[in-house]
PDB file of N, CA and C in Angstrom:
ATOM      1  N   MET A   1       0.787  -1.034  -0.270  1.00  0.00           N
ATOM      2  CA  MET A   1      -0.060   0.340  -0.021  1.00  0.00           C
ATOM      3  C   MET A   1       1.034   1.360  -0.056  1.00  0.00           C
ATOM      4  N   TYR A   2       0.438   2.364  -0.465  1.00  0.00           N
ATOM      5  CA  TYR A   2       1.232   3.633  -0.253  1.00  0.00           C
ATOM      6  C   TYR A   2       0.914   4.566   0.932  1.00  0.00           C
ATOM      7  N   GLY A   3       2.625   4.534   1.211  1.00  0.00           N
ATOM      8  CA  GLY A   3       2.240   5.092   2.419  1.00  0.00           C
ATOM      9  C   GLY A   3       2.584   4.619   3.587  1.00  0.00           C
ATOM     10  N   GLU A   4       1.909   3.096   3.751  1.00  0.00           N
ATOM     11  CA  GLU A   4       2.150   1.607   4.443  1.00  0.00           C
ATOM     12  C   GLU A   4       3.429   1.420   4.728  1.00  0.00           C
ATOM     13  N   LYS A   5       3.879   1.870   5.802  1.00  0.00           N
ATOM     14  CA  LYS A   5       4.818   1.517   6.855  1.00  0.00           C
ATOM     15  C   LYS A   5       5.800   0.240   6.844  1.00  0.00           C
ATOM     16  N   GLN A   6       7.153   0.222   6.323  1.00  0.00           N
ATOM     17  CA  GLN A   6       7.202  -1.181   6.208  1.00  0.00           C
ATOM     18  C   GLN A   6       8.736  -1.541   8.190  1.00  0.00           C
ATOM     19  N   MET A   7       8.618  -2.405   8.842  1.00  0.00           N
ATOM     20  CA  MET A   7       9.187  -3.297   9.694  1.00  0.00           C
ATOM     21  C   MET A   7      10.503  -2.574   9.200  1.00  0.00           C
ATOM     22  N   PRO A   8      11.399  -1.997  10.373  1.00  0.00           N
ATOM     23  CA  PRO A   8      12.997  -2.490   9.927  1.00  0.00           C
ATOM     24  C   PRO A   8      13.911  -3.962   9.944  1.00  0.00           C
ATOM     25  N   THR A   9      13.160  -4.426   9.833  1.00  0.00           N
ATOM     26  CA  THR A   9      13.874  -6.302   9.489  1.00  0.00           C
ATOM     27  C   THR A   9      15.628  -6.229   9.253  1.00  0.00           C
ATOM     28  N   ASN A  10      16.368  -5.175   9.022  1.00  0.00           N
ATOM     29  CA  ASN A  10      17.489  -5.169   8.132  1.00  0.00           C
ATOM     30  C   ASN A  10      17.850  -4.991   9.657  1.00  0.00           C
ATOM     31  N   GLU A  11      17.300  -4.157  11.007  1.00  0.00           N
ATOM     32  CA  GLU A  11      17.770  -4.196  12.204  1.00  0.00           C
ATOM     33  C   GLU A  11      17.673  -5.517  12.955  1.00  0.00           C
ATOM     34  N   TRP A  12      16.099  -6.066  13.178  1.00  0.00           N
ATOM     35  CA  TRP A  12      16.207  -6.774  13.819  1.00  0.00           C
ATOM     36  C   TRP A  12      17.087  -8.662  13.908  1.00  0.00           C
ATOM     37  N   THR A  13      17.251  -8.520  14.706  1.00  0.00           N
ATOM     38  CA  THR A  13      17.631 -10.574  15.093  1.00  0.00           C
ATOM     39  C   THR A  13      17.186 -11.773  14.623  1.00  0.00           C
ATOM     40  N   PRO A  14      16.832 -12.471  14.764  1.00  0.00           N
ATOM     41  CA  PRO A  14      15.813 -13.591  13.653  1.00  0.00           C
ATOM     42  C   PRO A  14      15.037 -13.550  15.028  1.00  0.00           C
ATOM     43  N   LYS A  15      15.543 -13.583  16.010  1.00  0.00           N
ATOM     44  CA  LYS A  15      15.227 -14.058  17.584  1.00  0.00           C
ATOM     45  C   LYS A  15      14.131 -12.675  17.761  1.00  0.00           C
ATOM     46  N   ARG A  16      14.169 -11.535  17.175  1.00  0.00           N
ATOM     47  CA  ARG A  16      13.183 -10.160  17.380  1.00  0.00           C
ATOM     48  C   ARG A  16      11.911 -10.271  15.792  1.00  0.00           C
ATOM     49  N   GLU A  17      12.626 -11.184  15.298  1.00  0.00           N
ATOM     50  CA  GLU A  17      11.531 -10.943  14.375  1.00  0.00           C
ATOM     51  C   GLU A  17      10.521 -12.334  14.983  1.00  0.00           C
ATOM     52  N   ARG A  18      11.455 -13.472  15.308  1.00  0.00           N
ATOM     53  CA  ARG A  18      10.224 -14.654  15.779  1.00  0.00           C
ATOM     54  C   ARG A  18       9.400 -14.102  17.235  1.00  0.00           C
ATOM     55  N   GLN A  19      10.303 -13.499  17.682  1.00  0.00           N
ATOM     56  CA  GLN A  19       9.236 -12.517  18.786  1.00  0.00           C
ATOM     57  C   GLN A  19       8.448 -11.609  18.420  1.00  0.00           C
ATOM     58  N   TYR A  20       8.338 -10.894  17.269  1.00  0.00           N
ATOM     59  CA  TYR A  20       7.725  -9.804  16.255  1.00  0.00           C
ATOM     60  C   TYR A  20       6.068 -10.367  15.696  1.00  0.00           C
ATOM     61  N   GLU A  21       6.329 -12.077  15.564  1.00  0.00           N
ATOM     62  CA  GLU A  21       5.133 -13.145  14.891  1.00  0.00           C
ATOM     63  C   GLU A  21       4.432 -13.717  15.911  1.00  0.00           C
ATOM     64  N   HIS A  22       4.590 -13.990  16.492  1.00  0.00           N
ATOM     65  CA  HIS A  22       4.858 -14.327  17.702  1.00  0.00           C
ATOM     66  C   HIS A  22       4.105 -13.362  18.331  1.00  0.00           C
ATOM     67  N   ILE A  23       4.450 -12.877  18.470  1.00  0.00           N
ATOM     68  CA  ILE A  23       2.855 -11.078  18.995  1.00  0.00           C
ATOM     69  C   ILE A  23       2.107 -11.082  18.360  1.00  0.00           C
ATOM     70  N   LYS A  24       1.972 -10.723  17.287  1.00  0.00           N
ATOM     71  CA  LYS A  24       1.299 -10.381  16.441  1.00  0.00           C
ATOM     72  C   LYS A  24       0.346 -11.905  16.499  1.00  0.00           C
ATOM     73  N   LYS A  25       0.809 -12.496  16.390  1.00  0.00           N
ATOM     74  CA  LYS A  25      -0.371 -14.086  15.811  1.00  0.00           C
ATOM     75  C   LYS A  25      -1.276 -13.851  17.108  1.00  0.00           C
ATOM     76  N   SER A  26      -0.555 -13.941  18.431  1.00  0.00           N
ATOM     77  CA  SER A  26      -1.359 -13.968  19.781  1.00  0.00           C
ATOM     78  C   SER A  26      -2.469 -12.616  19.602  1.00  0.00           C
ATOM     79  N   GLU A  27      -2.023 -11.227  19.199  1.00  0.00           N
ATOM     80  CA  GLU A  27      -2.806  -9.962  19.156  1.00  0.00           C
ATOM     81  C   GLU A  27      -4.355 -10.890  18.375  1.00  0.00           C
ATOM     82  N   GLU A  28      -3.331 -11.609  17.352  1.00  0.00           N
ATOM     83  CA  GLU A  28      -4.673 -11.660  15.679  1.00  0.00           C
ATOM     84  C   GLU A  28      -5.593 -12.145  16.249  1.00  0.00           C
ATOM     85  N   VAL A  29      -5.063 -13.918  16.955  1.00  0.00           N
ATOM     86  CA  VAL A  29      -5.822 -14.860  17.434  1.00  0.00           C
ATOM     87  C   VAL A  29      -6.692 -14.385  19.309  1.00  0.00           C
ATOM     88  N   THR A  30      -6.191 -14.405  19.924  1.00  0.00           N
ATOM     89  CA  THR A  30      -6.074 -14.225  21.560  1.00  0.00           C
ATOM     90  C   THR A  30      -7.273 -13.374  21.793  1.00  0.00           C
ATOM     91  N   GLU A  31      -6.537 -11.790  21.207  1.00  0.00           N
ATOM     92  CA  GLU A  31      -6.752 -10.368  21.506  1.00  0.00           C
ATOM     93  C   GLU A  31      -8.794 -10.679  20.816  1.00  0.00           C
ATOM     94  N   GLY A  32      -8.551 -10.910  19.291  1.00  0.00           N
ATOM     95  CA  GLY A  32      -9.204 -10.848  18.121  1.00  0.00           C
ATOM     96  C   GLY A  32      -8.981  -8.771  17.618  1.00  0.00           C
ATOM     97  N   ARG A  33      -7.223  -9.319  17.696  1.00  0.00           N
ATOM     98  CA  ARG A  33      -7.388  -7.841  16.354  1.00  0.00           C
ATOM     99  C   ARG A  33      -7.162  -7.728  15.909  1.00  0.00           C
ATOM    100  N   SER A  34      -7.363  -6.668  14.993  1.00  0.00           N
ATOM    101  CA  SER A  34      -7.486  -6.532  13.304  1.00  0.00           C
ATOM    102  C   SER A  34      -5.723  -6.809  12.929  1.00  0.00           C
ATOM    103  N   GLU A  35      -5.430  -7.183  12.170  1.00  0.00           N
ATOM    104  CA  GLU A  35      -4.066  -7.236  11.333  1.00  0.00           C
ATOM    105  C   GLU A  35      -2.810  -5.791  11.476  1.00  0.00           C
ATOM    106  N   GLU A  36      -4.037  -5.195  11.025  1.00  0.00           N
ATOM    107  CA  GLU A  36      -2.904  -3.861  10.856  1.00  0.00           C
ATOM    108  C   GLU A  36      -2.522  -3.196  12.676  1.00  0.00           C
ATOM    109  N   THR A  37      -4.027  -3.543  13.703  1.00  0.00           N
ATOM    110  CA  THR A  37      -3.521  -3.128  14.542  1.00  0.00           C
ATOM    111  C   THR A  37      -2.121  -3.844  15.290  1.00  0.00           C
ATOM    112  N   ALA A  38      -2.480  -5.405  15.447  1.00  0.00           N
ATOM    113  CA  ALA A  38      -2.164  -6.460  15.586  1.00  0.00           C
ATOM    114  C   ALA A  38      -0.031  -6.170  15.625  1.00  0.00           C
ATOM    115  N   LYS A  39       0.368  -6.190  13.726  1.00  0.00           N
ATOM    116  CA  LYS A  39       1.044  -5.504  13.177  1.00  0.00           C
ATOM    117  C   LYS A  39       2.094  -4.625  14.629  1.00  0.00           C
ATOM    118  N   ARG A  40       1.181  -3.345  14.580  1.00  0.00           N
ATOM    119  CA  ARG A  40       1.177  -2.110  14.782  1.00  0.00           C
ATOM    120  C   ARG A  40       1.447  -2.458  17.034  1.00  0.00           C
ATOM    121  N   ILE A  41       0.618  -3.295  16.991  1.00  0.00           N
ATOM    122  CA  ILE A  41       0.843  -3.843  18.683  1.00  0.00           C
ATOM    123  C   ILE A  41       3.039  -4.621  18.818  1.00  0.00           C
ATOM    124  N   ALA A  42       2.546  -5.193  17.855  1.00  0.00           N
ATOM    125  CA  ALA A  42       3.540  -6.438  17.778  1.00  0.00           C
ATOM    126  C   ALA A  42       5.297  -5.835  17.634  1.00  0.00           C
ATOM    127  N   ALA A  43       5.516  -4.525  16.427  1.00  0.00           N
ATOM    128  CA  ALA A  43       6.572  -3.401  16.326  1.00  0.00           C
ATOM    129  C   ALA A  43       6.748  -3.023  17.704  1.00  0.00           C
ATOM    130  N   ALA A  44       5.982  -2.301  17.769  1.00  0.00           N
ATOM    131  CA  ALA A  44       6.359  -1.195  19.248  1.00  0.00           C
ATOM    132  C   ALA A  44       6.449  -2.155  20.812  1.00  0.00           C
ATOM    133  N   THR A  45       5.771  -3.488  20.289  1.00  0.00           N
ATOM    134  CA  THR A  45       7.057  -4.361  21.635  1.00  0.00           C
ATOM    135  C   THR A  45       8.417  -4.582  21.532  1.00  0.00           C
ATOM    136  N   VAL A  46       8.389  -5.037  20.489  1.00  0.00           N
ATOM    137  CA  VAL A  46       9.683  -5.651  19.597  1.00  0.00           C
ATOM    138  C   VAL A  46      10.644  -4.245  20.187  1.00  0.00           C
ATOM    139  N   ASN A  47      10.875  -3.441  19.512  1.00  0.00           N
ATOM    140  CA  ASN A  47      10.887  -1.973  19.326  1.00  0.00           C
ATOM    141  C   ASN A  47      11.328  -1.564  21.129  1.00  0.00           C
ATOM    142  N   LYS A  48      10.388  -1.496  21.993  1.00  0.00           N
ATOM    143  CA  LYS A  48      10.069  -1.064  23.186  1.00  0.00           C
ATOM    144  C   LYS A  48      12.159  -2.371  23.773  1.00  0.00           C
ATOM    145  N   THR A  49      11.537  -3.206  23.580  1.00  0.00           N
ATOM    146  CA  THR A  49      12.409  -4.324  24.320  1.00  0.00           C
ATOM    147  C   THR A  49      13.743  -4.246  23.564  1.00  0.00           C
ATOM    148  N   ARG A  50      13.840  -3.970  22.482  1.00  0.00           N
ATOM    149  CA  ARG A  50      15.030  -3.644  22.054  1.00  0.00           C
ATOM    150  C   ARG A  50      15.973  -2.814  22.773  1.00  0.00           C
ATOM    151  N   ARG A  51      15.348  -1.342  22.978  1.00  0.00           N
ATOM    152  CA  ARG A  51      15.783  -0.490  24.062  1.00  0.00           C
ATOM    153  C   ARG A  51      16.098  -0.435  25.035  1.00  0.00           C
ATOM    154  N   GLU A  52      15.328  -1.956  25.497  1.00  0.00           N
ATOM    155  CA  GLU A  52      15.333  -1.823  27.132  1.00  0.00           C
ATOM    156  C   GLU A  52      16.339  -2.665  27.358  1.00  0.00           C
ATOM    157  N   LYS A  53      17.029  -3.470  26.249  1.00  0.00           N
ATOM    158  CA  LYS A  53      18.114  -4.166  26.491  1.00  0.00           C
ATOM    159  C   LYS A  53      19.553  -3.931  25.449  1.00  0.00           C
ATOM    160  N   GLY A  54      19.025  -2.830  25.288  1.00  0.00           N
ATOM    161  CA  GLY A  54      20.374  -1.599  25.026  1.00  0.00           C
ATOM    162  C   GLY A  54      20.907  -2.262  23.444  1.00  0.00           C
ATOM    163  N   GLU A  55      19.830  -2.685  22.633  1.00  0.00           N
ATOM    164  CA  GLU A  55      19.872  -2.982  20.999  1.00  0.00           C
ATOM    165  C   GLU A  55      19.823  -2.245  20.215  1.00  0.00           C
ATOM    166  N   THR A  56      19.824  -0.851  20.846  1.00  0.00           N
ATOM    167  CA  THR A  56      19.195   0.746  19.257  1.00  0.00           C
ATOM    168  C   THR A  56      20.407   1.039  20.291  1.00  0.00           C
ATOM    169  N   LYS A  57      20.573   1.603  18.788  1.00  0.00           N
ATOM    170  CA  LYS A  57      21.290   3.267  18.819  1.00  0.00           C
ATOM    171  C   LYS A  57      21.123   4.568  19.955  1.00  0.00           C
ATOM    172  N   GLU A  58      20.016   4.654  20.250  1.00  0.00           N
ATOM    173  CA  GLU A  58      19.108   4.679  21.308  1.00  0.00           C
ATOM    174  C   GLU A  58      18.605   4.377  22.548  1.00  0.00           C
ATOM    175  N   GLN A  59      18.735   4.897  23.665  1.00  0.00           N
ATOM    176  CA  GLN A  59      18.179   3.498  24.529  1.00  0.00           C
ATOM    177  C   GLN A  59      16.874   4.311  25.109  1.00  0.00           C
ATOM    178  N   LYS A  60      16.400   3.230  26.398  1.00  0.00           N
ATOM    179  CA  LYS A  60      15.788   4.424  26.989  1.00  0.00           C
ATOM    180  C   LYS A  60      16.102   5.129  27.959  1.00  0.00           C
ATOM    181  N   LYS A  61      15.534   5.997  28.401  1.00  0.00           N
ATOM    182  CA  LYS A  61      15.818   7.393  29.337  1.00  0.00           C
ATOM    183  C   LYS A  61      14.549   6.541  30.625  1.00  0.00           C
ATOM    184  N   LYS A  62      15.731   7.135  31.718  1.00  0.00           N
ATOM    185  CA  LYS A  62      14.971   5.992  32.836  1.00  0.00           C
ATOM    186  C   LYS A  62      14.307   8.010  33.624  1.00  0.00           C
TER     187      LYS A  62
END
């Protein structure tokens, strides 16, 4: 789609990619969310985890 943001998969490790897919599926199946909402939640969760674990250039500010 035009204007659709892509996941930054080139920055994610295979572990984070698996985490993303697991969260996305869980949000869709268990929580009944739409695919777009599930993608957004999963990406935000993975990115938050990456910041907290120091896997990004900019880490979470306390």
